[in-house]
Amino acid sequence: MPLDLARIEKKAISESVAEQLRLAILRGEVAIGERLPPERQLAPLFGTNRNTLREAIRSLEAQGLVVARQGDGVRVADFRQSGELSLLTDMLRVAQADERKRMIAEVLWMRKLMATEAVRGAAERATDPDVLALRRLVELQRAHDGDVLLTLQTDLEMYGVLVRAAFSMVGQLMFATMSRLSTACVEQVPAFLYVPPDYVANMAAVVDLIAAGDPDAAAERMEAHLTKTDGILLARLAELT
């Protein structure tokens, strides 16, 4: 089927408009409950037409950022109550320092919960090819020998194998969202580019416990590893002004 280039271009414009409006709302430039300007005023501000603007508004409505009602226009919703998880990456971008620290701490907490359960599930359901893939990645980590960026990249691959072994497609999609949030945290706080000295030893031990089919011990080892690592990351975060 041939690509509809005009449709793709229109979609790209609407996404750009939606992003600008989304960031303005998240920054508080438009207050909760406030009505957005009417289409005839708003569309020219973005150099676009009303149809493209409506598409952008529908995108914001799907995220829980605005509510459109006939006769009342488009109002900013209380997105902290109605918003969806995809907003968190942009919320991290615009948050003040103290709020960003709280949000990052909660992202790490959620990541630990999901990673621990992924390890538990992998110990119960991993196949021989899954275990071989995990062992190969551990060896790659050893070969990286302190290269933080390569280690973190391989770390994401390792989590990918764990999640596929442990979860259904729904679980994989949820964990993919958490991975994007973790990446956003690193982008906002470069001090999070950190790998503990005992990282490879801990992950190798986790993989051995998965291979042995010991879900409780594997989950306990993973939780201890992330509790220690996250404690160091949060200490680094606290030092930032």
Foldseek 3Di string as FASTA:
>chain_A
DDDPVVVVVLQVLLCVVLVVVLLCVLLCVAPAFHADDDLVVPQVVSPHHSVSPVVSVVVCVVQVQWDADVPPHIGGHPCVVRGDLVCLLSNLVNPDLVVNLVSVLVLLVVLLVLLLQLLLQLLQFPDPVLLVVLVVLLVVLVVCPPPLVVNVVSVVVNSLSSQVRRHDPVSSVVVVSSVVSVVSNCVSPVVLSDDDPCNSVLSVVLSVSSVVSNSVVSSVSSSVVSVVSVVVVSVVSVPDD
